[in-house]
Amino acid sequence: MKKQFAFWFIGAMLAPAMAFAGNWQLDDARSNIGFQYQAMGATLDGEFPLYQADIQLDPAKPEQANILLDVTTAKTDAGNPDATAEVGNPLFFDSRRYPTARFASTHIQPQGNGRYLVEGKLSVKGITRPTRIPVLLKTEGKNQRLTGTFKLNRLDFKIGEGMWADTSALANEVRVAFSLLLVPSPAKK
């Protein structure tokens, strides 16, 4: 079975995870983004191995952070060789037309004890929907660890159209999870 599922979002076509311009960058060796779903009665764990982030974060004021996360949809590992071969096709992510999925934060609400509710916009396959993601932010030395999970309905983004819209074969609900290690950007240390 694949390593523990993690957060799925937003990416660069052929580059490993790294910051665009924020004061934090992702340590791609110690971060992961993935998902879990039901197909034909089996639970599958998938992951997005390529993603980029632009993160502006002051650990003293995390509620003022700005997070932009892009995931490369064409490089998705769907947890099964047949599903992985299909996931970039037009019925699923249509990666040729929509090579990335994007999450952009709009508001962060403190919940206490390092927990926050991150509100933002999730864009997948040309469809943008408001999304709320509960997260935990923990300090690890000079770094910050951002973890969380949330659920989404794939059909809200037209992922799995045609015969795959039948939720008895492919469940509508997808559990998305992430563990991102944020390290200070070299220019901002």
Protein backbone atom coordinates (compact mmCIF):
# COMPACT_ATOMS: atom_id res chain seq x y z
CA MET A 1 0.00 0.00 0.00
CA LYS A 2 1.21 3.53 -0.75
CA LYS A 3 2.59 5.67 2.02
CA GLN A 4 0.00 7.45 4.12
CA PHE A 5 -2.23 9.62 1.95
CA ALA A 6 -1.69 13.38 2.15
CA PHE A 7 -3.00 16.72 0.90
CA TRP A 8 -3.61 17.10 -2.86
CA PHE A 9 -3.11 20.50 -4.39
CA ILE A 10 -1.48 22.42 -6.88
CA GLY A 11 1.82 22.21 -9.01
CA ALA A 12 4.58 22.78 -11.49
CA MET A 13 4.70 20.51 -14.54
CA LEU A 14 8.23 19.11 -14.29
CA ALA A 15 9.75 20.62 -11.14
CA PRO A 16 9.92 19.30 -7.57
CA ALA A 17 8.15 21.18 -4.80
CA MET A 18 9.66 24.60 -4.18
CA ALA A 19 8.54 28.13 -3.35
CA PHE A 20 7.62 30.66 -6.04
CA ALA A 21 8.27 33.84 -4.07
CA GLY A 22 7.08 33.50 -0.47
CA ASN A 23 9.18 33.75 2.67
CA TRP A 24 8.82 29.94 3.13
CA GLN A 25 9.48 27.08 0.77
CA LEU A 26 8.51 23.44 0.91
CA ASP A 27 11.00 20.72 1.77
CA ASP A 28 9.81 18.27 -0.86
CA ALA A 29 11.70 15.33 0.68
CA ARG A 30 9.75 15.77 3.93
CA SER A 31 6.38 16.88 2.53
CA ASN A 32 3.59 15.00 0.83
CA ILE A 33 0.21 15.61 -0.73
CA GLY A 34 -2.24 12.83 -1.40
CA PHE A 35 -5.74 11.49 -1.30
CA GLN A 36 -7.84 8.43 -0.49
CA TYR A 37 -10.90 7.20 -2.35
CA GLN A 38 -13.12 4.15 -2.94
CA ALA A 39 -13.14 2.41 -6.34
CA MET A 40 -15.00 -0.84 -7.05
CA GLY A 41 -15.31 -1.38 -3.30
CA ALA A 42 -11.58 -1.03 -2.62
CA THR A 43 -9.90 1.80 -0.72
CA LEU A 44 -7.03 3.33 -2.69
CA ASP A 45 -4.37 5.82 -1.61
CA GLY A 46 -2.98 8.20 -4.21
CA GLU A 47 -0.58 11.09 -4.21
CA PHE A 48 0.50 14.19 -6.08
CA PRO A 49 4.30 14.04 -6.25
CA LEU A 50 4.77 17.43 -8.01
CA TYR A 51 3.61 20.69 -6.48
CA GLN A 52 4.75 24.23 -5.79
CA ALA A 53 3.82 26.75 -3.13
CA ASP A 54 4.01 30.47 -2.53
CA ILE A 55 3.71 30.90 1.23
CA GLN A 56 3.86 34.16 3.18
CA LEU A 57 3.80 33.30 6.88
CA ASP A 58 4.79 35.05 10.09
CA PRO A 59 4.79 32.31 12.79
CA ALA A 60 3.81 34.99 15.34
CA LYS A 61 0.73 35.90 13.25
CA PRO A 62 -0.24 32.77 11.28
CA GLU A 63 -3.81 34.01 10.83
CA GLN A 64 -2.36 36.61 8.41
CA ALA A 65 -0.66 34.02 6.19
CA ASN A 66 -1.21 33.79 2.45
CA ILE A 67 -0.97 30.36 0.86
CA LEU A 68 -0.97 29.55 -2.84
CA LEU A 69 -0.48 25.88 -3.69
CA ASP A 70 -0.37 24.39 -7.20
CA VAL A 71 -0.44 20.64 -7.90
CA THR A 72 0.52 19.05 -11.21
CA THR A 73 -2.43 16.88 -12.21
CA ALA A 74 -0.64 14.97 -15.00
CA LYS A 75 1.76 13.37 -12.52
CA THR A 76 -0.93 12.01 -10.21
CA ASP A 77 -0.38 8.54 -8.78
CA ALA A 78 -3.90 7.17 -8.29
CA GLY A 79 -2.77 4.16 -6.22
CA ASN A 80 -3.42 1.61 -8.98
CA PRO A 81 -1.59 1.30 -12.35
CA ASP A 82 -4.80 1.32 -14.40
CA ALA A 83 -6.23 4.32 -12.55
CA THR A 84 -2.89 6.16 -12.77
CA ALA A 85 -2.85 5.64 -16.56
CA GLU A 86 -6.37 7.17 -16.84
CA VAL A 87 -6.26 10.04 -14.37
CA GLY A 88 -4.85 12.63 -16.81
CA ASN A 89 -7.45 11.86 -19.48
CA PRO A 90 -10.36 14.24 -20.30
CA LEU A 91 -12.88 12.25 -18.22
CA PHE A 92 -10.77 12.82 -15.10
CA PHE A 93 -8.31 15.74 -14.66
CA ASP A 94 -8.03 16.55 -18.38
CA SER A 95 -4.39 17.40 -17.65
CA ARG A 96 -3.65 18.52 -21.18
CA ARG A 97 -6.14 21.40 -20.86
CA TYR A 98 -5.82 21.84 -17.08
CA PRO A 99 -2.25 20.89 -16.06
CA THR A 100 -2.59 22.20 -12.50
CA ALA A 101 -5.07 22.37 -9.68
CA ARG A 102 -4.78 25.39 -7.39
CA PHE A 103 -5.68 26.33 -3.85
CA ALA A 104 -5.47 30.01 -2.87
CA SER A 105 -6.22 31.03 0.72
CA THR A 106 -8.55 33.96 1.33
CA HIS A 107 -8.94 33.92 5.12
CA ILE A 108 -7.41 32.07 8.08
CA GLN A 109 -9.30 31.73 11.36
CA PRO A 110 -7.45 30.77 14.57
CA GLN A 111 -9.08 27.81 16.37
CA GLY A 112 -6.63 27.55 19.31
CA ASN A 113 -3.70 25.23 20.12
CA GLY A 114 -2.01 25.68 16.72
CA ARG A 115 -5.20 24.84 14.83
CA TYR A 116 -6.60 27.06 12.08
CA LEU A 117 -9.42 26.99 9.59
CA VAL A 118 -8.04 27.99 6.20
CA GLU A 119 -10.67 29.28 3.80
CA GLY A 120 -9.89 29.69 0.16
CA LYS A 121 -10.68 28.82 -3.42
CA LEU A 122 -9.93 25.44 -4.94
CA SER A 123 -9.69 25.36 -8.73
CA VAL A 124 -9.65 22.01 -10.53
CA LYS A 125 -10.39 21.35 -14.19
CA GLY A 126 -11.49 24.95 -14.77
CA ILE A 127 -14.00 24.90 -11.88
CA THR A 128 -13.45 27.03 -8.77
CA ARG A 129 -15.24 26.33 -5.49
CA PRO A 130 -14.90 27.78 -1.97
CA THR A 131 -13.07 25.34 0.29
CA ARG A 132 -12.46 25.21 4.04
CA ILE A 133 -9.49 23.24 5.33
CA PRO A 134 -8.76 22.60 9.01
CA VAL A 135 -5.00 22.67 9.59
CA LEU A 136 -2.48 22.26 12.37
CA LEU A 137 0.66 24.42 12.40
CA LYS A 138 3.57 23.23 14.56
CA THR A 139 7.06 24.65 14.95
CA GLU A 140 9.91 22.20 14.26
CA GLY A 141 13.12 24.05 15.07
CA LYS A 142 13.43 26.85 12.47
CA ASN A 143 10.78 25.19 10.34
CA GLN A 144 6.98 24.98 10.41
CA ARG A 145 4.92 21.82 9.79
CA LEU A 146 1.48 22.36 8.23
CA THR A 147 -0.82 19.31 8.29
CA GLY A 148 -4.48 18.75 7.63
CA THR A 149 -7.20 16.72 6.00
CA PHE A 150 -10.48 17.53 4.33
CA LYS A 151 -13.09 15.91 2.11
CA LEU A 152 -14.33 16.98 -1.29
CA ASN A 153 -16.79 15.64 -3.83
CA ARG A 154 -14.99 14.83 -7.08
CA LEU A 155 -18.12 15.37 -9.19
CA ASP A 156 -18.20 19.03 -8.05
CA PHE A 157 -15.08 19.39 -10.23
CA LYS A 158 -16.19 16.99 -13.00
CA ILE A 159 -13.49 14.49 -12.04
CA GLY A 160 -14.71 11.15 -13.36
CA GLU A 161 -17.25 12.04 -16.01
CA GLY A 162 -19.16 9.74 -18.35
CA MET A 163 -19.38 6.17 -17.07
CA TRP A 164 -17.24 7.19 -14.07
CA ALA A 165 -19.96 9.53 -12.79
CA ASP A 166 -21.62 6.38 -11.35
CA THR A 167 -20.79 6.68 -7.65
CA SER A 168 -21.46 2.97 -7.04
CA ALA A 169 -18.28 2.20 -9.02
CA LEU A 170 -16.21 5.25 -8.01
CA ALA A 171 -17.21 7.04 -4.80
CA ASN A 172 -17.90 10.74 -5.02
CA GLU A 173 -16.15 11.57 -1.75
CA VAL A 174 -12.36 11.93 -1.78
CA ARG A 175 -10.39 12.42 1.42
CA VAL A 176 -7.45 14.75 0.86
CA ALA A 177 -4.58 15.07 3.34
CA PHE A 178 -1.23 16.82 3.49
CA SER A 179 1.89 17.19 5.56
CA LEU A 180 4.03 20.10 4.41
CA LEU A 181 7.37 21.03 5.95
CA LEU A 182 7.95 24.76 5.51
CA VAL A 183 11.55 25.92 5.65
CA PRO A 184 12.65 29.58 5.53
CA SER A 185 13.39 30.76 1.99
CA PRO A 186 17.15 31.35 1.54
CA ALA A 187 16.68 35.07 0.86
CA LYS A 188 14.59 35.51 4.06
CA LYS A 189 16.61 33.50 6.65
